[in-house]
Amino acid sequence: MPPIGKIALADICVGAILFRLTSQGLAITLSERVTQWFELLKTRAGYQKWIMSDFTELQGREDF
């Protein structure tokens, strides 16, 4: 798969949702192409800095 050129708003929105769900331990079955896209997206510096942030504060609120 070629590297992602420009990142679109849709990449950010869907990527953020997938990251939050998978970081909570939810097993999501994705197609092969979506899995490749998601793995490539996770290598981008901006995605790592702004989306793949610490989620522990919100995890503590799951009991409510």
C-alpha atoms as a PDB file:
ATOM      1  CA  MET A   1       0.000   0.000   0.000  1.00  0.00           C
ATOM      2  CA  PRO A   2       1.475   3.393  -0.923  1.00  0.00           C
ATOM      3  CA  PRO A   3       2.039   5.928   1.829  1.00  0.00           C
ATOM      4  CA  ILE A   4      -0.782   8.270   2.677  1.00  0.00           C
ATOM      5  CA  GLY A   5      -0.350  11.595   0.893  1.00  0.00           C
ATOM      6  CA  LYS A   6      -2.614  14.201   2.368  1.00  0.00           C
ATOM      7  CA  ILE A   7      -4.705  13.329   5.359  1.00  0.00           C
ATOM      8  CA  ALA A   8      -8.428  14.051   5.127  1.00  0.00           C
ATOM      9  CA  LEU A   9     -10.908  14.996   7.810  1.00  0.00           C
ATOM     10  CA  ALA A  10     -12.505  11.560   7.346  1.00  0.00           C
ATOM     11  CA  ASP A  11      -9.159   9.892   8.179  1.00  0.00           C
ATOM     12  CA  ILE A  12      -8.981  11.851  11.423  1.00  0.00           C
ATOM     13  CA  CYS A  13     -12.593  11.167  12.424  1.00  0.00           C
ATOM     14  CA  VAL A  14     -12.612   7.447  11.694  1.00  0.00           C
ATOM     15  CA  GLY A  15      -9.055   6.976  12.944  1.00  0.00           C
ATOM     16  CA  ALA A  16      -9.887   8.652  16.256  1.00  0.00           C
ATOM     17  CA  ILE A  17     -12.941   6.453  16.784  1.00  0.00           C
ATOM     18  CA  LEU A  18     -11.035   3.268  15.921  1.00  0.00           C
ATOM     19  CA  PHE A  19      -8.180   4.232  18.233  1.00  0.00           C
ATOM     20  CA  ARG A  20     -10.470   4.961  21.180  1.00  0.00           C
ATOM     21  CA  LEU A  21     -12.424   1.718  20.742  1.00  0.00           C
ATOM     22  CA  THR A  22      -9.350  -0.461  20.313  1.00  0.00           C
ATOM     23  CA  SER A  23      -7.471   1.253  23.171  1.00  0.00           C
ATOM     24  CA  GLN A  24     -10.339   0.218  25.458  1.00  0.00           C
ATOM     25  CA  GLY A  25      -9.753  -3.380  24.446  1.00  0.00           C
ATOM     26  CA  LEU A  26     -12.702  -3.798  22.087  1.00  0.00           C
ATOM     27  CA  ALA A  27     -11.912  -6.407  19.439  1.00  0.00           C
ATOM     28  CA  ILE A  28     -13.034  -4.994  16.114  1.00  0.00           C
ATOM     29  CA  THR A  29     -12.919  -7.040  12.938  1.00  0.00           C
ATOM     30  CA  LEU A  30     -11.837  -4.838  10.053  1.00  0.00           C
ATOM     31  CA  SER A  31     -11.346  -5.680   6.417  1.00  0.00           C
ATOM     32  CA  GLU A  32      -7.773  -6.187   5.245  1.00  0.00           C
ATOM     33  CA  ARG A  33      -7.657  -2.816   3.433  1.00  0.00           C
ATOM     34  CA  VAL A  34      -9.057  -0.916   6.435  1.00  0.00           C
ATOM     35  CA  THR A  35      -6.550  -2.635   8.711  1.00  0.00           C
ATOM     36  CA  GLN A  36      -3.713  -1.625   6.361  1.00  0.00           C
ATOM     37  CA  TRP A  37      -4.994   1.963   6.256  1.00  0.00           C
ATOM     38  CA  PHE A  38      -5.324   2.106  10.058  1.00  0.00           C
ATOM     39  CA  GLU A  39      -1.821   0.703  10.614  1.00  0.00           C
ATOM     40  CA  LEU A  40      -0.403   3.253   8.167  1.00  0.00           C
ATOM     41  CA  LEU A  41      -2.367   6.067   9.795  1.00  0.00           C
ATOM     42  CA  LYS A  42      -0.906   5.143  13.194  1.00  0.00           C
ATOM     43  CA  THR A  43       2.609   5.786  11.837  1.00  0.00           C
ATOM     44  CA  ARG A  44       1.894   9.473  11.133  1.00  0.00           C
ATOM     45  CA  ALA A  45       3.476  11.865  13.632  1.00  0.00           C
ATOM     46  CA  GLY A  46       0.427  14.141  13.856  1.00  0.00           C
ATOM     47  CA  TYR A  47      -1.909  11.207  14.473  1.00  0.00           C
ATOM     48  CA  GLN A  48       0.379   9.886  17.190  1.00  0.00           C
ATOM     49  CA  LYS A  49       0.620  13.291  18.865  1.00  0.00           C
ATOM     50  CA  TRP A  50      -3.022  14.416  18.719  1.00  0.00           C
ATOM     51  CA  ILE A  51      -5.113  11.233  18.497  1.00  0.00           C
ATOM     52  CA  MET A  52      -3.081   8.528  20.218  1.00  0.00           C
ATOM     53  CA  SER A  53      -3.050  10.466  23.471  1.00  0.00           C
ATOM     54  CA  ASP A  54      -3.364   9.204  27.033  1.00  0.00           C
ATOM     55  CA  PHE A  55      -6.860   7.861  27.651  1.00  0.00           C
ATOM     56  CA  THR A  56      -6.551   6.785  31.290  1.00  0.00           C
ATOM     57  CA  GLU A  57      -8.571   9.700  32.699  1.00  0.00           C
ATOM     58  CA  LEU A  58     -11.649   8.713  30.714  1.00  0.00           C
ATOM     59  CA  GLN A  59     -11.204   4.982  31.393  1.00  0.00           C
ATOM     60  CA  GLY A  60     -11.790   5.672  35.088  1.00  0.00           C
ATOM     61  CA  ARG A  61     -15.236   7.019  34.243  1.00  0.00           C
ATOM     62  CA  GLU A  62     -16.477   3.774  32.698  1.00  0.00           C
ATOM     63  CA  ASP A  63     -17.950   2.718  36.060  1.00  0.00           C
ATOM     64  CA  PHE A  64     -20.687   5.379  35.854  1.00  0.00           C
END
